PDB file of N, CA and C in Angstrom:
ATOM      1  N   THR A   1      70.149 181.647 147.730  1.00  0.00           N
ATOM      2  CA  THR A   1      69.199 181.364 146.662  1.00  0.00           C
ATOM      3  C   THR A   1      69.909 180.902 145.402  1.00  0.00           C
ATOM      4  N   ASN A   2      71.055 181.439 145.110  1.00  0.00           N
ATOM      5  CA  ASN A   2      71.781 181.010 143.918  1.00  0.00           C
ATOM      6  C   ASN A   2      72.351 179.608 144.071  1.00  0.00           C
ATOM      7  N   ALA A   3      72.675 179.228 145.284  1.00  0.00           N
ATOM      8  CA  ALA A   3      73.261 177.906 145.507  1.00  0.00           C
ATOM      9  C   ALA A   3      72.262 176.792 145.236  1.00  0.00           C
ATOM     10  N   THR A   4      70.981 177.028 145.499  1.00  0.00           N
ATOM     11  CA  THR A   4      70.001 175.961 145.300  1.00  0.00           C
ATOM     12  C   THR A   4      69.840 175.618 143.831  1.00  0.00           C
ATOM     13  N   GLN A   5      69.961 176.578 142.952  1.00  0.00           N
ATOM     14  CA  GLN A   5      69.831 176.258 141.532  1.00  0.00           C
ATOM     15  C   GLN A   5      71.002 175.407 141.059  1.00  0.00           C
ATOM     16  N   TYR A   6      72.199 175.642 141.586  1.00  0.00           N
ATOM     17  CA  TYR A   6      73.337 174.797 141.235  1.00  0.00           C
ATOM     18  C   TYR A   6      73.192 173.401 141.838  1.00  0.00           C
ATOM     19  N   PHE A   7      72.620 173.336 143.020  1.00  0.00           N
ATOM     20  CA  PHE A   7      72.448 172.048 143.684  1.00  0.00           C
ATOM     21  C   PHE A   7      71.524 171.139 142.890  1.00  0.00           C
ATOM     22  N   PHE A   8      70.447 171.680 142.355  1.00  0.00           N
ATOM     23  CA  PHE A   8      69.481 170.851 141.633  1.00  0.00           C
ATOM     24  C   PHE A   8      69.866 170.646 140.172  1.00  0.00           C
ATOM     25  N   ARG A   9      70.515 171.615 139.549  1.00  0.00           N
ATOM     26  CA  ARG A   9      70.870 171.462 138.139  1.00  0.00           C
ATOM     27  C   ARG A   9      72.228 170.813 137.942  1.00  0.00           C
ATOM     28  N   GLY A  10      73.106 170.981 138.883  1.00  0.00           N
ATOM     29  CA  GLY A  10      74.451 170.426 138.746  1.00  0.00           C
ATOM     30  C   GLY A  10      74.817 169.593 139.949  1.00  0.00           C
ATOM     31  N   GLY A  11      74.176 168.464 140.090  1.00  0.00           N
ATOM     32  CA  GLY A  11      74.430 167.594 141.234  1.00  0.00           C
ATOM     33  C   GLY A  11      75.871 167.140 141.332  1.00  0.00           C
ATOM     34  N   HIS A  12      76.528 167.012 140.187  1.00  0.00           N
ATOM     35  CA  HIS A  12      77.928 166.597 140.195  1.00  0.00           C
ATOM     36  C   HIS A  12      78.819 167.640 140.862  1.00  0.00           C
ATOM     37  N   LEU A  13      78.381 168.888 140.897  1.00  0.00           N
ATOM     38  CA  LEU A  13      79.162 169.934 141.551  1.00  0.00           C
ATOM     39  C   LEU A  13      79.163 169.773 143.066  1.00  0.00           C
ATOM     40  N   VAL A  14      78.207 169.030 143.582  1.00  0.00           N
ATOM     41  CA  VAL A  14      78.132 168.769 145.019  1.00  0.00           C
ATOM     42  C   VAL A  14      78.715 167.397 145.341  1.00  0.00           C
ATOM     43  N   VAL A  15      78.417 166.410 144.522  1.00  0.00           N
ATOM     44  CA  VAL A  15      78.809 165.027 144.806  1.00  0.00           C
ATOM     45  C   VAL A  15      80.310 164.816 144.613  1.00  0.00           C
ATOM     46  N   THR A  16      80.883 165.389 143.576  1.00  0.00           N
ATOM     47  CA  THR A  16      82.294 165.156 143.274  1.00  0.00           C
ATOM     48  C   THR A  16      83.225 165.625 144.395  1.00  0.00           C
ATOM     49  N   PRO A  17      83.119 166.859 144.875  1.00  0.00           N
ATOM     50  CA  PRO A  17      84.003 167.255 145.981  1.00  0.00           C
ATOM     51  C   PRO A  17      83.769 166.437 147.253  1.00  0.00           C
ATOM     52  N   GLY A  18      82.527 166.104 147.537  1.00  0.00           N
ATOM     53  CA  GLY A  18      82.241 165.288 148.712  1.00  0.00           C
ATOM     54  C   GLY A  18      82.875 163.917 148.611  1.00  0.00           C
ATOM     55  N   PHE A  19      82.809 163.314 147.431  1.00  0.00           N
ATOM     56  CA  PHE A  19      83.413 162.003 147.211  1.00  0.00           C
ATOM     57  C   PHE A  19      84.930 162.084 147.337  1.00  0.00           C
ATOM     58  N   LEU A  20      85.527 163.127 146.791  1.00  0.00           N
ATOM     59  CA  LEU A  20      86.979 163.270 146.868  1.00  0.00           C
ATOM     60  C   LEU A  20      87.447 163.502 148.306  1.00  0.00           C
ATOM     61  N   ILE A  21      86.694 164.260 149.076  1.00  0.00           N
ATOM     62  CA  ILE A  21      87.030 164.443 150.490  1.00  0.00           C
ATOM     63  C   ILE A  21      86.921 163.114 151.223  1.00  0.00           C
ATOM     64  N   PHE A  22      85.874 162.351 150.944  1.00  0.00           N
ATOM     65  CA  PHE A  22      85.700 161.041 151.565  1.00  0.00           C
ATOM     66  C   PHE A  22      86.871 160.122 151.232  1.00  0.00           C
ATOM     67  N   MET A  23      87.282 160.077 149.974  1.00  0.00           N
ATOM     68  CA  MET A  23      88.382 159.206 149.564  1.00  0.00           C
ATOM     69  C   MET A  23      89.698 159.636 150.208  1.00  0.00           C
ATOM     70  N   THR A  24      89.923 160.942 150.332  1.00  0.00           N
ATOM     71  CA  THR A  24      91.140 161.440 150.968  1.00  0.00           C
ATOM     72  C   THR A  24      91.201 161.022 152.430  1.00  0.00           C
ATOM     73  N   VAL A  25      90.102 161.187 153.141  1.00  0.00           N
ATOM     74  CA  VAL A  25      90.062 160.803 154.555  1.00  0.00           C
ATOM     75  C   VAL A  25      90.235 159.298 154.706  1.00  0.00           C
ATOM     76  N   LEU A  26      89.605 158.517 153.838  1.00  0.00           N
ATOM     77  CA  LEU A  26      89.744 157.065 153.892  1.00  0.00           C
ATOM     78  C   LEU A  26      91.192 156.643 153.658  1.00  0.00           C
ATOM     79  N   CYS A  27      91.845 157.228 152.672  1.00  0.00           N
ATOM     80  CA  CYS A  27      93.240 156.879 152.385  1.00  0.00           C
ATOM     81  C   CYS A  27      94.154 157.254 153.546  1.00  0.00           C
ATOM     82  N   LEU A  28      93.945 158.435 154.130  1.00  0.00           N
ATOM     83  CA  LEU A  28      94.763 158.834 155.274  1.00  0.00           C
ATOM     84  C   LEU A  28      94.538 157.899 156.463  1.00  0.00           C
ATOM     85  N   TYR A  29      93.316 157.472 156.663  1.00  0.00           N
ATOM     86  CA  TYR A  29      93.014 156.525 157.741  1.00  0.00           C
ATOM     87  C   TYR A  29      93.743 155.200 157.514  1.00  0.00           C
ATOM     88  N   LEU A  30      93.689 154.690 156.289  1.00  0.00           N
ATOM     89  CA  LEU A  30      94.323 153.407 156.002  1.00  0.00           C
ATOM     90  C   LEU A  30      95.840 153.490 156.112  1.00  0.00           C
ATOM     91  N   VAL A  31      96.427 154.587 155.666  1.00  0.00           N
ATOM     92  CA  VAL A  31      97.876 154.765 155.796  1.00  0.00           C
ATOM     93  C   VAL A  31      98.258 154.839 157.272  1.00  0.00           C
ATOM     94  N   GLY A  32      97.517 155.595 158.049  1.00  0.00           N
ATOM     95  CA  GLY A  32      97.799 155.695 159.475  1.00  0.00           C
ATOM     96  C   GLY A  32      97.649 154.366 160.189  1.00  0.00           C
ATOM     97  N   ASP A  33      96.638 153.602 159.821  1.00  0.00           N
ATOM     98  CA  ASP A  33      96.428 152.287 160.419  1.00  0.00           C
ATOM     99  C   ASP A  33      97.577 151.346 160.063  1.00  0.00           C
ATOM    100  N   GLY A  34      98.023 151.402 158.827  1.00  0.00           N
ATOM    101  CA  GLY A  34      99.151 150.577 158.412  1.00  0.00           C
ATOM    102  C   GLY A  34     100.438 150.958 159.122  1.00  0.00           C
ATOM    103  N   LEU A  35     100.663 152.258 159.294  1.00  0.00           N
ATOM    104  CA  LEU A  35     101.851 152.700 160.021  1.00  0.00           C
ATOM    105  C   LEU A  35     101.802 152.257 161.479  1.00  0.00           C
ATOM    106  N   ARG A  36     100.632 152.333 162.081  1.00  0.00           N
ATOM    107  CA  ARG A  36     100.497 151.879 163.468  1.00  0.00           C
ATOM    108  C   ARG A  36     100.793 150.393 163.570  1.00  0.00           C
ATOM    109  N   ASP A  37     100.261 149.619 162.644  1.00  0.00           N
ATOM    110  CA  ASP A  37     100.509 148.177 162.659  1.00  0.00           C
ATOM    111  C   ASP A  37     101.993 147.873 162.475  1.00  0.00           C
ATOM    112  N   ALA A  38     102.674 148.644 161.641  1.00  0.00           N
ATOM    113  CA  ALA A  38     104.080 148.378 161.356  1.00  0.00           C
ATOM    114  C   ALA A  38     105.007 148.858 162.469  1.00  0.00           C
ATOM    115  N   LEU A  39     104.640 149.918 163.165  1.00  0.00           N
ATOM    116  CA  LEU A  39     105.579 150.543 164.089  1.00  0.00           C
ATOM    117  C   LEU A  39     105.255 150.354 165.567  1.00  0.00           C
ATOM    118  N   ASP A  40     104.097 149.862 165.909  1.00  0.00           N
ATOM    119  CA  ASP A  40     103.716 149.723 167.319  1.00  0.00           C
ATOM    120  C   ASP A  40     104.283 148.423 167.883  1.00  0.00           C
ATOM    121  N   PRO A  41     105.231 148.517 168.807  1.00  0.00           N
ATOM    122  CA  PRO A  41     105.842 147.284 169.332  1.00  0.00           C
ATOM    123  C   PRO A  41     104.887 146.461 170.196  1.00  0.00           C
ATOM    124  N   ARG A  42     103.852 147.062 170.737  1.00  0.00           N
ATOM    125  CA  ARG A  42     102.914 146.314 171.584  1.00  0.00           C
ATOM    126  C   ARG A  42     102.071 145.338 170.771  1.00  0.00           C
ATOM    127  N   LEU A  43     101.958 145.558 169.467  1.00  0.00           N
ATOM    128  CA  LEU A  43     101.139 144.672 168.642  1.00  0.00           C
ATOM    129  C   LEU A  43     101.895 143.419 168.199  1.00  0.00           C
ATOM    130  N   LYS A  44     103.205 143.427 168.337  1.00  0.00           N
ATOM    131  CA  LYS A  44     103.995 142.264 167.911  1.00  0.00           C
ATOM    132  C   LYS A  44     103.922 141.182 168.976  1.00  0.00           C
ATOM    133  N   THR A  45     103.595 139.977 168.556  1.00  0.00           N
ATOM    134  CA  THR A  45     103.399 138.873 169.506  1.00  0.00           C
ATOM    135  C   THR A  45     104.551 137.881 169.492  1.00  0.00           C
ATOM    136  N   HIS A  46     105.711 138.265 168.983  1.00  0.00           N
ATOM    137  CA  HIS A  46     106.849 137.337 168.909  1.00  0.00           C
ATOM    138  C   HIS A  46     107.424 137.117 170.266  1.00  0.00           C
TER     139      HIS A  46
END
């Protein structure tokens, strides 16, 4: 019951952590994808 009052009165308390988690996962995905592209010998077509 106490959580609902924070959810409606302080939306930023819910949105900010969710956005930061999303950005962290996105950055880790992009770094991993870049490492795979750089280090996977099967992707090189030379």
